[in-house]
mmCIF file of all heavy atoms, coordinates in Angstrom:
data_MODEL
# 
_entry.id   MODEL 
# 
loop_
_atom_site.group_PDB 
_atom_site.id 
_atom_site.type_symbol 
_atom_site.label_atom_id 
_atom_site.label_alt_id 
_atom_site.label_comp_id 
_atom_site.label_asym_id 
_atom_site.label_entity_id 
_atom_site.label_seq_id 
_atom_site.pdbx_PDB_ins_code 
_atom_site.Cartn_x 
_atom_site.Cartn_y 
_atom_site.Cartn_z 
_atom_site.occupancy 
_atom_site.B_iso_or_equiv 
_atom_site.pdbx_formal_charge 
_atom_site.auth_seq_id 
_atom_site.auth_comp_id 
_atom_site.auth_asym_id 
_atom_site.auth_atom_id 
_atom_site.pdbx_PDB_model_num 
ATOM 1   N N   . ALA A 1 1  ? -14.739 2.203   17.241  1.00 0.00 ? 1  ALA A N   1 
ATOM 2   C CA  . ALA A 1 1  ? -14.924 0.885   16.681  1.00 0.00 ? 1  ALA A CA  1 
ATOM 3   C C   . ALA A 1 1  ? -14.799 0.834   15.113  1.00 0.00 ? 1  ALA A C   1 
ATOM 4   O O   . ALA A 1 1  ? -14.209 -0.121  14.574  1.00 0.00 ? 1  ALA A O   1 
ATOM 5   C CB  . ALA A 1 1  ? -16.338 0.366   17.073  1.00 0.00 ? 1  ALA A CB  1 
ATOM 6   N N   . THR A 1 2  ? -15.187 1.859   14.498  1.00 0.00 ? 2  THR A N   1 
ATOM 7   C CA  . THR A 1 2  ? -15.055 1.993   13.030  1.00 0.00 ? 2  THR A CA  1 
ATOM 8   C C   . THR A 1 2  ? -13.604 2.241   12.582  1.00 0.00 ? 2  THR A C   1 
ATOM 9   O O   . THR A 1 2  ? -13.124 1.525   11.678  1.00 0.00 ? 2  THR A O   1 
ATOM 10  C CB  . THR A 1 2  ? -15.834 3.213   12.540  1.00 0.00 ? 2  THR A CB  1 
ATOM 11  O OG1 . THR A 1 2  ? -17.243 3.025   12.924  1.00 0.00 ? 2  THR A OG1 1 
ATOM 12  C CG2 . THR A 1 2  ? -15.759 3.259   11.066  1.00 0.00 ? 2  THR A CG2 1 
ATOM 13  N N   . VAL A 1 3  ? -12.901 3.015   13.333  1.00 0.00 ? 3  VAL A N   1 
ATOM 14  C CA  . VAL A 1 3  ? -11.415 3.157   12.979  1.00 0.00 ? 3  VAL A CA  1 
ATOM 15  C C   . VAL A 1 3  ? -10.720 1.889   13.210  1.00 0.00 ? 3  VAL A C   1 
ATOM 16  O O   . VAL A 1 3  ? -9.922  1.501   12.335  1.00 0.00 ? 3  VAL A O   1 
ATOM 17  C CB  . VAL A 1 3  ? -10.850 4.363   13.863  1.00 0.00 ? 3  VAL A CB  1 
ATOM 18  C CG1 . VAL A 1 3  ? -9.332  4.374   13.678  1.00 0.00 ? 3  VAL A CG1 1 
ATOM 19  C CG2 . VAL A 1 3  ? -11.499 5.581   13.513  1.00 0.00 ? 3  VAL A CG2 1 
ATOM 20  N N   . ALA A 1 4  ? -11.032 1.175   14.258  1.00 0.00 ? 4  ALA A N   1 
ATOM 21  C CA  . ALA A 1 4  ? -10.357 -0.145  14.600  1.00 0.00 ? 4  ALA A CA  1 
ATOM 22  C C   . ALA A 1 4  ? -10.713 -1.189  13.421  1.00 0.00 ? 4  ALA A C   1 
ATOM 23  O O   . ALA A 1 4  ? -9.809  -1.893  13.060  1.00 0.00 ? 4  ALA A O   1 
ATOM 24  C CB  . ALA A 1 4  ? -10.711 -0.664  15.889  1.00 0.00 ? 4  ALA A CB  1 
ATOM 25  N N   . SER A 1 5  ? -11.927 -1.114  13.034  1.00 0.00 ? 5  SER A N   1 
ATOM 26  C CA  . SER A 1 5  ? -12.394 -2.055  11.932  1.00 0.00 ? 5  SER A CA  1 
ATOM 27  C C   . SER A 1 5  ? -11.701 -1.733  10.693  1.00 0.00 ? 5  SER A C   1 
ATOM 28  O O   . SER A 1 5  ? -11.084 -2.730  9.929   1.00 0.00 ? 5  SER A O   1 
ATOM 29  C CB  . SER A 1 5  ? -13.846 -1.960  11.695  1.00 0.00 ? 5  SER A CB  1 
ATOM 30  O OG  . SER A 1 5  ? -14.564 -2.361  12.856  1.00 0.00 ? 5  SER A OG  1 
ATOM 31  N N   . CYS A 1 6  ? -11.448 -0.412  10.369  1.00 0.00 ? 6  CYS A N   1 
ATOM 32  C CA  . CYS A 1 6  ? -10.798 -0.122  9.112   1.00 0.00 ? 6  CYS A CA  1 
ATOM 33  C C   . CYS A 1 6  ? -9.250  -0.412  9.209   1.00 0.00 ? 6  CYS A C   1 
ATOM 34  O O   . CYS A 1 6  ? -8.636  -0.736  8.292   1.00 0.00 ? 6  CYS A O   1 
ATOM 35  C CB  . CYS A 1 6  ? -10.928 1.442   8.835   1.00 0.00 ? 6  CYS A CB  1 
ATOM 36  S SG  . CYS A 1 6  ? -12.579 1.880   8.396   1.00 0.00 ? 6  CYS A SG  1 
ATOM 37  N N   . ALA A 1 7  ? -8.681  -0.257  10.439  1.00 0.00 ? 7  ALA A N   1 
ATOM 38  C CA  . ALA A 1 7  ? -7.346  -0.649  10.616  1.00 0.00 ? 7  ALA A CA  1 
ATOM 39  C C   . ALA A 1 7  ? -7.113  -2.187  10.406  1.00 0.00 ? 7  ALA A C   1 
ATOM 40  O O   . ALA A 1 7  ? -6.123  -2.616  9.761   1.00 0.00 ? 7  ALA A O   1 
ATOM 41  C CB  . ALA A 1 7  ? -6.757  -0.203  12.113  1.00 0.00 ? 7  ALA A CB  1 
ATOM 42  N N   . CYS A 1 8  ? -7.986  -2.976  10.905  1.00 0.00 ? 8  CYS A N   1 
ATOM 43  C CA  . CYS A 1 8  ? -7.932  -4.485  10.706  1.00 0.00 ? 8  CYS A CA  1 
ATOM 44  C C   . CYS A 1 8  ? -8.198  -4.766  9.262   1.00 0.00 ? 8  CYS A C   1 
ATOM 45  O O   . CYS A 1 8  ? -7.462  -5.732  8.706   1.00 0.00 ? 8  CYS A O   1 
ATOM 46  C CB  . CYS A 1 8  ? -9.040  -5.087  11.597  1.00 0.00 ? 8  CYS A CB  1 
ATOM 47  S SG  . CYS A 1 8  ? -8.667  -4.904  13.349  1.00 0.00 ? 8  CYS A SG  1 
ATOM 48  N N   . LEU A 1 9  ? -9.090  -4.125  8.603   1.00 0.00 ? 9  LEU A N   1 
ATOM 49  C CA  . LEU A 1 9  ? -9.423  -4.456  7.152   1.00 0.00 ? 9  LEU A CA  1 
ATOM 50  C C   . LEU A 1 9  ? -8.168  -4.126  6.353   1.00 0.00 ? 9  LEU A C   1 
ATOM 51  O O   . LEU A 1 9  ? -7.949  -4.739  5.179   1.00 0.00 ? 9  LEU A O   1 
ATOM 52  C CB  . LEU A 1 9  ? -10.562 -3.619  6.788   1.00 0.00 ? 9  LEU A CB  1 
ATOM 53  C CG  . LEU A 1 9  ? -11.108 -3.885  5.232   1.00 0.00 ? 9  LEU A CG  1 
ATOM 54  C CD1 . LEU A 1 9  ? -11.464 -5.356  5.100   1.00 0.00 ? 9  LEU A CD1 1 
ATOM 55  C CD2 . LEU A 1 9  ? -12.171 -2.930  4.910   1.00 0.00 ? 9  LEU A CD2 1 
ATOM 56  N N   . SER A 1 10 ? -7.318  -3.213  6.691   1.00 0.00 ? 10 SER A N   1 
ATOM 57  C CA  . SER A 1 10 ? -6.214  -2.755  5.915   1.00 0.00 ? 10 SER A CA  1 
ATOM 58  C C   . SER A 1 10 ? -4.911  -3.467  6.115   1.00 0.00 ? 10 SER A C   1 
ATOM 59  O O   . SER A 1 10 ? -3.854  -3.295  5.351   1.00 0.00 ? 10 SER A O   1 
ATOM 60  C CB  . SER A 1 10 ? -5.856  -1.291  6.206   1.00 0.00 ? 10 SER A CB  1 
ATOM 61  O OG  . SER A 1 10 ? -7.042  -0.381  6.021   1.00 0.00 ? 10 SER A OG  1 
ATOM 62  N N   . ILE A 1 11 ? -4.951  -4.517  6.997   1.00 0.00 ? 11 ILE A N   1 
ATOM 63  C CA  . ILE A 1 11 ? -3.830  -5.406  7.280   1.00 0.00 ? 11 ILE A CA  1 
ATOM 64  C C   . ILE A 1 11 ? -3.392  -6.086  6.021   1.00 0.00 ? 11 ILE A C   1 
ATOM 65  O O   . ILE A 1 11 ? -2.084  -6.350  5.787   1.00 0.00 ? 11 ILE A O   1 
ATOM 66  C CB  . ILE A 1 11 ? -4.163  -6.472  8.364   1.00 0.00 ? 11 ILE A CB  1 
ATOM 67  C CG1 . ILE A 1 11 ? -4.390  -5.661  9.656   1.00 0.00 ? 11 ILE A CG1 1 
ATOM 68  C CG2 . ILE A 1 11 ? -2.978  -7.490  8.536   1.00 0.00 ? 11 ILE A CG2 1 
ATOM 69  C CD1 . ILE A 1 11 ? -4.674  -6.529  10.877  1.00 0.00 ? 11 ILE A CD1 1 
ATOM 70  N N   . TYR A 1 12 ? -4.239  -6.317  5.014   1.00 0.00 ? 12 TYR A N   1 
ATOM 71  C CA  . TYR A 1 12 ? -3.831  -7.124  3.816   1.00 0.00 ? 12 TYR A CA  1 
ATOM 72  C C   . TYR A 1 12 ? -2.738  -6.321  3.029   1.00 0.00 ? 12 TYR A C   1 
ATOM 73  O O   . TYR A 1 12 ? -1.965  -6.967  2.313   1.00 0.00 ? 12 TYR A O   1 
ATOM 74  C CB  . TYR A 1 12 ? -5.045  -7.249  2.980   1.00 0.00 ? 12 TYR A CB  1 
ATOM 75  C CG  . TYR A 1 12 ? -5.420  -6.056  2.116   1.00 0.00 ? 12 TYR A CG  1 
ATOM 76  C CD1 . TYR A 1 12 ? -4.881  -5.855  0.804   1.00 0.00 ? 12 TYR A CD1 1 
ATOM 77  C CD2 . TYR A 1 12 ? -6.223  -5.161  2.651   1.00 0.00 ? 12 TYR A CD2 1 
ATOM 78  C CE1 . TYR A 1 12 ? -5.301  -4.724  0.093   1.00 0.00 ? 12 TYR A CE1 1 
ATOM 79  C CE2 . TYR A 1 12 ? -6.608  -4.069  1.879   1.00 0.00 ? 12 TYR A CE2 1 
ATOM 80  C CZ  . TYR A 1 12 ? -6.170  -3.772  0.700   1.00 0.00 ? 12 TYR A CZ  1 
ATOM 81  O OH  . TYR A 1 12 ? -6.558  -2.720  -0.044  1.00 0.00 ? 12 TYR A OH  1 
ATOM 82  N N   . VAL A 1 13 ? -2.738  -5.015  3.236   1.00 0.00 ? 13 VAL A N   1 
ATOM 83  C CA  . VAL A 1 13 ? -1.690  -4.094  2.537   1.00 0.00 ? 13 VAL A CA  1 
ATOM 84  C C   . VAL A 1 13 ? -0.309  -4.549  2.892   1.00 0.00 ? 13 VAL A C   1 
ATOM 85  O O   . VAL A 1 13 ? 0.619   -4.489  2.050   1.00 0.00 ? 13 VAL A O   1 
ATOM 86  C CB  . VAL A 1 13 ? -1.907  -2.670  2.877   1.00 0.00 ? 13 VAL A CB  1 
ATOM 87  C CG1 . VAL A 1 13 ? -0.867  -1.832  2.278   1.00 0.00 ? 13 VAL A CG1 1 
ATOM 88  C CG2 . VAL A 1 13 ? -3.337  -2.244  2.365   1.00 0.00 ? 13 VAL A CG2 1 
ATOM 89  N N   . VAL A 1 14 ? -0.001  -4.974  4.189   1.00 0.00 ? 14 VAL A N   1 
ATOM 90  C CA  . VAL A 1 14 ? 1.272   -5.238  4.679   1.00 0.00 ? 14 VAL A CA  1 
ATOM 91  C C   . VAL A 1 14 ? 1.753   -6.598  3.851   1.00 0.00 ? 14 VAL A C   1 
ATOM 92  O O   . VAL A 1 14 ? 3.055   -6.817  3.744   1.00 0.00 ? 14 VAL A O   1 
ATOM 93  C CB  . VAL A 1 14 ? 1.275   -5.576  6.084   1.00 0.00 ? 14 VAL A CB  1 
ATOM 94  C CG1 . VAL A 1 14 ? 2.599   -6.052  6.667   1.00 0.00 ? 14 VAL A CG1 1 
ATOM 95  C CG2 . VAL A 1 14 ? 0.771   -4.394  6.902   1.00 0.00 ? 14 VAL A CG2 1 
ATOM 96  N N   . VAL A 1 15 ? 0.785   -7.350  3.429   1.00 0.00 ? 15 VAL A N   1 
ATOM 97  C CA  . VAL A 1 15 ? 1.167   -8.580  2.663   1.00 0.00 ? 15 VAL A CA  1 
ATOM 98  C C   . VAL A 1 15 ? 1.323   -8.407  1.168   1.00 0.00 ? 15 VAL A C   1 
ATOM 99  O O   . VAL A 1 15 ? 2.295   -8.935  0.584   1.00 0.00 ? 15 VAL A O   1 
ATOM 100 C CB  . VAL A 1 15 ? 0.107   -9.665  2.936   1.00 0.00 ? 15 VAL A CB  1 
ATOM 101 C CG1 . VAL A 1 15 ? 0.413   -10.983 2.269   1.00 0.00 ? 15 VAL A CG1 1 
ATOM 102 C CG2 . VAL A 1 15 ? -0.030  -9.930  4.510   1.00 0.00 ? 15 VAL A CG2 1 
ATOM 103 N N   . VAL A 1 16 ? 0.531   -7.675  0.513   1.00 0.00 ? 16 VAL A N   1 
ATOM 104 C CA  . VAL A 1 16 ? 0.466   -7.547  -0.905  1.00 0.00 ? 16 VAL A CA  1 
ATOM 105 C C   . VAL A 1 16 ? 1.382   -6.525  -1.397  1.00 0.00 ? 16 VAL A C   1 
ATOM 106 O O   . VAL A 1 16 ? 1.652   -6.540  -2.629  1.00 0.00 ? 16 VAL A O   1 
ATOM 107 C CB  . VAL A 1 16 ? -1.013  -7.322  -1.458  1.00 0.00 ? 16 VAL A CB  1 
ATOM 108 C CG1 . VAL A 1 16 ? -1.803  -8.387  -0.925  1.00 0.00 ? 16 VAL A CG1 1 
ATOM 109 C CG2 . VAL A 1 16 ? -1.520  -5.920  -0.894  1.00 0.00 ? 16 VAL A CG2 1 
ATOM 110 N N   . TYR A 1 17 ? 1.803   -5.505  -0.571  1.00 0.00 ? 17 TYR A N   1 
ATOM 111 C CA  . TYR A 1 17 ? 2.725   -4.376  -1.114  1.00 0.00 ? 17 TYR A CA  1 
ATOM 112 C C   . TYR A 1 17 ? 4.090   -4.746  -0.710  1.00 0.00 ? 17 TYR A C   1 
ATOM 113 O O   . TYR A 1 17 ? 4.471   -5.310  0.264   1.00 0.00 ? 17 TYR A O   1 
ATOM 114 C CB  . TYR A 1 17 ? 2.357   -3.063  -0.539  1.00 0.00 ? 17 TYR A CB  1 
ATOM 115 C CG  . TYR A 1 17 ? 1.133   -2.365  -1.251  1.00 0.00 ? 17 TYR A CG  1 
ATOM 116 C CD1 . TYR A 1 17 ? -0.157  -2.670  -1.024  1.00 0.00 ? 17 TYR A CD1 1 
ATOM 117 C CD2 . TYR A 1 17 ? 1.538   -1.449  -2.360  1.00 0.00 ? 17 TYR A CD2 1 
ATOM 118 C CE1 . TYR A 1 17 ? -1.217  -1.933  -1.773  1.00 0.00 ? 17 TYR A CE1 1 
ATOM 119 C CE2 . TYR A 1 17 ? 0.568   -0.800  -3.039  1.00 0.00 ? 17 TYR A CE2 1 
ATOM 120 C CZ  . TYR A 1 17 ? -0.741  -1.133  -2.809  1.00 0.00 ? 17 TYR A CZ  1 
ATOM 121 O OH  . TYR A 1 17 ? -1.791  -0.472  -3.530  1.00 0.00 ? 17 TYR A OH  1 
ATOM 122 N N   . ASP A 1 18 ? 5.039   -4.363  -1.592  1.00 0.00 ? 18 ASP A N   1 
ATOM 123 C CA  . ASP A 1 18 ? 6.500   -4.573  -1.312  1.00 0.00 ? 18 ASP A CA  1 
ATOM 124 C C   . ASP A 1 18 ? 7.292   -3.580  -2.150  1.00 0.00 ? 18 ASP A C   1 
ATOM 125 O O   . ASP A 1 18 ? 6.803   -3.102  -3.173  1.00 0.00 ? 18 ASP A O   1 
ATOM 126 C CB  . ASP A 1 18 ? 6.881   -5.967  -1.674  1.00 0.00 ? 18 ASP A CB  1 
ATOM 127 C CG  . ASP A 1 18 ? 8.069   -6.473  -0.862  1.00 0.00 ? 18 ASP A CG  1 
ATOM 128 O OD1 . ASP A 1 18 ? 8.723   -5.666  -0.232  1.00 0.00 ? 18 ASP A OD1 1 
ATOM 129 O OD2 . ASP A 1 18 ? 8.299   -7.719  -0.694  1.00 0.00 ? 18 ASP A OD2 1 
ATOM 130 N N   . ALA A 1 19 ? 8.536   -3.371  -1.674  1.00 0.00 ? 19 ALA A N   1 
ATOM 131 C CA  . ALA A 1 19 ? 9.510   -2.557  -2.496  1.00 0.00 ? 19 ALA A CA  1 
ATOM 132 C C   . ALA A 1 19 ? 10.265  -3.383  -3.459  1.00 0.00 ? 19 ALA A C   1 
ATOM 133 O O   . ALA A 1 19 ? 10.678  -4.436  -3.195  1.00 0.00 ? 19 ALA A O   1 
ATOM 134 C CB  . ALA A 1 19 ? 10.407  -1.789  -1.469  1.00 0.00 ? 19 ALA A CB  1 
ATOM 135 N N   . PHE A 1 20 ? 10.485  -2.797  -4.705  1.00 0.00 ? 20 PHE A N   1 
ATOM 136 C CA  . PHE A 1 20 ? 11.276  -3.422  -5.702  1.00 0.00 ? 20 PHE A CA  1 
ATOM 137 C C   . PHE A 1 20 ? 12.420  -2.536  -6.107  1.00 0.00 ? 20 PHE A C   1 
ATOM 138 O O   . PHE A 1 20 ? 12.143  -1.588  -6.959  1.00 0.00 ? 20 PHE A O   1 
ATOM 139 C CB  . PHE A 1 20 ? 10.460  -3.786  -6.895  1.00 0.00 ? 20 PHE A CB  1 
ATOM 140 C CG  . PHE A 1 20 ? 9.293   -4.773  -6.493  1.00 0.00 ? 20 PHE A CG  1 
ATOM 141 C CD1 . PHE A 1 20 ? 8.021   -4.377  -6.165  1.00 0.00 ? 20 PHE A CD1 1 
ATOM 142 C CD2 . PHE A 1 20 ? 9.531   -6.186  -6.688  1.00 0.00 ? 20 PHE A CD2 1 
ATOM 143 C CE1 . PHE A 1 20 ? 7.123   -5.259  -5.892  1.00 0.00 ? 20 PHE A CE1 1 
ATOM 144 C CE2 . PHE A 1 20 ? 8.504   -7.017  -6.333  1.00 0.00 ? 20 PHE A CE2 1 
ATOM 145 C CZ  . PHE A 1 20 ? 7.335   -6.608  -6.006  1.00 0.00 ? 20 PHE A CZ  1 
ATOM 146 N N   . PRO A 1 21 ? 13.505  -2.619  -5.399  1.00 0.00 ? 21 PRO A N   1 
ATOM 147 C CA  . PRO A 1 21 ? 14.702  -1.590  -5.745  1.00 0.00 ? 21 PRO A CA  1 
ATOM 148 C C   . PRO A 1 21 ? 15.067  -1.612  -7.226  1.00 0.00 ? 21 PRO A C   1 
ATOM 149 O O   . PRO A 1 21 ? 15.426  -0.609  -7.761  1.00 0.00 ? 21 PRO A O   1 
ATOM 150 C CB  . PRO A 1 21 ? 15.816  -2.186  -4.880  1.00 0.00 ? 21 PRO A CB  1 
ATOM 151 C CG  . PRO A 1 21 ? 15.051  -2.946  -3.825  1.00 0.00 ? 21 PRO A CG  1 
ATOM 152 C CD  . PRO A 1 21 ? 14.023  -3.514  -4.463  1.00 0.00 ? 21 PRO A CD  1 
ATOM 153 N N   . GLN A 1 22 ? 15.147  -2.795  -7.869  1.00 0.00 ? 22 GLN A N   1 
ATOM 154 C CA  . GLN A 1 22 ? 15.560  -2.775  -9.305  1.00 0.00 ? 22 GLN A CA  1 
ATOM 155 C C   . GLN A 1 22 ? 14.636  -2.024  -10.185 1.00 0.00 ? 22 GLN A C   1 
ATOM 156 O O   . GLN A 1 22 ? 15.043  -1.271  -11.088 1.00 0.00 ? 22 GLN A O   1 
ATOM 157 C CB  . GLN A 1 22 ? 15.720  -4.270  -9.788  1.00 0.00 ? 22 GLN A CB  1 
ATOM 158 C CG  . GLN A 1 22 ? 16.802  -5.038  -9.074  1.00 0.00 ? 22 GLN A CG  1 
ATOM 159 C CD  . GLN A 1 22 ? 16.867  -6.451  -9.555  1.00 0.00 ? 22 GLN A CD  1 
ATOM 160 O OE1 . GLN A 1 22 ? 16.043  -6.963  -10.362 1.00 0.00 ? 22 GLN A OE1 1 
ATOM 161 N NE2 . GLN A 1 22 ? 17.821  -7.119  -9.171  1.00 0.00 ? 22 GLN A NE2 1 
ATOM 162 N N   . ALA A 1 23 ? 13.285  -2.124  -10.004 1.00 0.00 ? 23 ALA A N   1 
ATOM 163 C CA  . ALA A 1 23 ? 12.379  -1.406  -10.793 1.00 0.00 ? 23 ALA A CA  1 
ATOM 164 C C   . ALA A 1 23 ? 12.093  -0.036  -10.232 1.00 0.00 ? 23 ALA A C   1 
ATOM 165 O O   . ALA A 1 23 ? 11.313  0.771   -10.775 1.00 0.00 ? 23 ALA A O   1 
ATOM 166 C CB  . ALA A 1 23 ? 11.061  -2.180  -10.830 1.00 0.00 ? 23 ALA A CB  1 
ATOM 167 N N   . ARG A 1 24 ? 12.622  0.265   -9.007  1.00 0.00 ? 24 ARG A N   1 
ATOM 168 C CA  . ARG A 1 24 ? 12.442  1.532   -8.360  1.00 0.00 ? 24 ARG A CA  1 
ATOM 169 C C   . ARG A 1 24 ? 10.912  1.905   -8.085  1.00 0.00 ? 24 ARG A C   1 
ATOM 170 O O   . ARG A 1 24 ? 10.409  2.906   -8.537  1.00 0.00 ? 24 ARG A O   1 
ATOM 171 C CB  . ARG A 1 24 ? 13.097  2.636   -9.113  1.00 0.00 ? 24 ARG A CB  1 
ATOM 172 C CG  . ARG A 1 24 ? 14.629  2.524   -9.250  1.00 0.00 ? 24 ARG A CG  1 
ATOM 173 C CD  . ARG A 1 24 ? 15.264  3.835   -9.785  1.00 0.00 ? 24 ARG A CD  1 
ATOM 174 N NE  . ARG A 1 24 ? 15.125  4.945   -8.917  1.00 0.00 ? 24 ARG A NE  1 
ATOM 175 C CZ  . ARG A 1 24 ? 15.834  5.273   -7.882  1.00 0.00 ? 24 ARG A CZ  1 
ATOM 176 N NH1 . ARG A 1 24 ? 16.751  4.476   -7.537  1.00 0.00 ? 24 ARG A NH1 1 
ATOM 177 N NH2 . ARG A 1 24 ? 15.436  6.406   -7.271  1.00 0.00 ? 24 ARG A NH2 1 
ATOM 178 N N   . GLN A 1 25 ? 10.211  0.788   -7.555  1.00 0.00 ? 25 GLN A N   1 
ATOM 179 C CA  . GLN A 1 25 ? 8.785   0.921   -7.313  1.00 0.00 ? 25 GLN A CA  1 
ATOM 180 C C   . GLN A 1 25 ? 8.395   0.382   -5.949  1.00 0.00 ? 25 GLN A C   1 
ATOM 181 O O   . GLN A 1 25 ? 9.097   -0.511  -5.550  1.00 0.00 ? 25 GLN A O   1 
ATOM 182 C CB  . GLN A 1 25 ? 8.049   0.301   -8.527  1.00 0.00 ? 25 GLN A CB  1 
ATOM 183 C CG  . GLN A 1 25 ? 8.009   0.925   -9.799  1.00 0.00 ? 25 GLN A CG  1 
ATOM 184 C CD  . GLN A 1 25 ? 7.149   0.160   -10.801 1.00 0.00 ? 25 GLN A CD  1 
ATOM 185 O OE1 . GLN A 1 25 ? 6.850   -0.928  -10.664 1.00 0.00 ? 25 GLN A OE1 1 
ATOM 186 N NE2 . GLN A 1 25 ? 6.841   0.879   -11.874 1.00 0.00 ? 25 GLN A NE2 1 
ATOM 187 N N   . CYS A 1 26 ? 7.415   0.955   -5.377  1.00 0.00 ? 26 CYS A N   1 
ATOM 188 C CA  . CYS A 1 26 ? 6.658   0.390   -4.272  1.00 0.00 ? 26 CYS A CA  1 
ATOM 189 C C   . CYS A 1 26 ? 5.233   -0.006  -4.695  1.00 0.00 ? 26 CYS A C   1 
ATOM 190 O O   . CYS A 1 26 ? 4.455   0.905   -4.879  1.00 0.00 ? 26 CYS A O   1 
ATOM 191 C CB  . CYS A 1 26 ? 6.663   1.277   -3.133  1.00 0.00 ? 26 CYS A CB  1 
ATOM 192 S SG  . CYS A 1 26 ? 5.637   0.839   -1.791  1.00 0.00 ? 26 CYS A SG  1 
ATOM 193 N N   . THR A 1 27 ? 4.993   -1.246  -4.953  1.00 0.00 ? 27 THR A N   1 
ATOM 194 C CA  . THR A 1 27 ? 3.767   -1.712  -5.576  1.00 0.00 ? 27 THR A CA  1 
ATOM 195 C C   . THR A 1 27 ? 3.380   -3.067  -5.190  1.00 0.00 ? 27 THR A C   1 
ATOM 196 O O   . THR A 1 27 ? 4.013   -3.739  -4.336  1.00 0.00 ? 27 THR A O   1 
ATOM 197 C CB  . THR A 1 27 ? 3.955   -1.531  -7.094  1.00 0.00 ? 27 THR A CB  1 
ATOM 198 O OG1 . THR A 1 27 ? 2.701   -1.835  -7.785  1.00 0.00 ? 27 THR A OG1 1 
ATOM 199 C CG2 . THR A 1 27 ? 4.943   -2.621  -7.598  1.00 0.00 ? 27 THR A CG2 1 
ATOM 200 N N   . LEU A 1 28 ? 2.344   -3.505  -5.765  1.00 0.00 ? 28 LEU A N   1 
ATOM 201 C CA  . LEU A 1 28 ? 1.776   -4.831  -5.430  1.00 0.00 ? 28 LEU A CA  1 
ATOM 202 C C   . LEU A 1 28 ? 2.689   -5.927  -5.944  1.00 0.00 ? 28 LEU A C   1 
ATOM 203 O O   . LEU A 1 28 ? 3.342   -5.833  -7.010  1.00 0.00 ? 28 LEU A O   1 
ATOM 204 C CB  . LEU A 1 28 ? 0.431   -4.959  -6.079  1.00 0.00 ? 28 LEU A CB  1 
ATOM 205 C CG  . LEU A 1 28 ? -0.669  -4.020  -5.636  1.00 0.00 ? 28 LEU A CG  1 
ATOM 206 C CD1 . LEU A 1 28 ? -1.831  -3.976  -6.515  1.00 0.00 ? 28 LEU A CD1 1 
ATOM 207 C CD2 . LEU A 1 28 ? -1.188  -4.471  -4.190  1.00 0.00 ? 28 LEU A CD2 1 
ATOM 208 N N   . ASN A 1 29 ? 2.794   -6.920  -5.166  1.00 0.00 ? 29 ASN A N   1 
ATOM 209 C CA  . ASN A 1 29 ? 3.872   -8.042  -5.413  1.00 0.00 ? 29 ASN A CA  1 
ATOM 210 C C   . ASN A 1 29 ? 3.419   -9.192  -6.171  1.00 0.00 ? 29 ASN A C   1 
ATOM 211 O O   . ASN A 1 29 ? 4.141   -10.098 -6.476  1.00 0.00 ? 29 ASN A O   1 
ATOM 212 C CB  . ASN A 1 29 ? 4.512   -8.454  -4.047  1.00 0.00 ? 29 ASN A CB  1 
ATOM 213 C CG  . ASN A 1 29 ? 3.528   -8.904  -3.064  1.00 0.00 ? 29 ASN A CG  1 
ATOM 214 O OD1 . ASN A 1 29 ? 2.390   -9.252  -3.389  1.00 0.00 ? 29 ASN A OD1 1 
ATOM 215 N ND2 . ASN A 1 29 ? 3.929   -8.829  -1.841  1.00 0.00 ? 29 ASN A ND2 1 
ATOM 216 N N   . SER A 1 30 ? 2.061   -9.319  -6.495  1.00 0.00 ? 30 SER A N   1 
ATOM 217 C CA  . SER A 1 30 ? 1.481   -10.368 -7.249  1.00 0.00 ? 30 SER A CA  1 
ATOM 218 C C   . SER A 1 30 ? 0.238   -10.092 -7.876  1.00 0.00 ? 30 SER A C   1 
ATOM 219 O O   . SER A 1 30 ? -0.483  -9.098  -7.448  1.00 0.00 ? 30 SER A O   1 
ATOM 220 C CB  . SER A 1 30 ? 1.328   -11.590 -6.280  1.00 0.00 ? 30 SER A CB  1 
ATOM 221 O OG  . SER A 1 30 ? 0.319   -11.272 -5.289  1.00 0.00 ? 30 SER A OG  1 
# 
């Protein structure tokens, strides 16, 4: 149950992180 909760809590990462080829970075997008 704890691992499932941590997996759900980490879903925000899929939204806030992105790749930026011009800057050659994988970082927060806003």
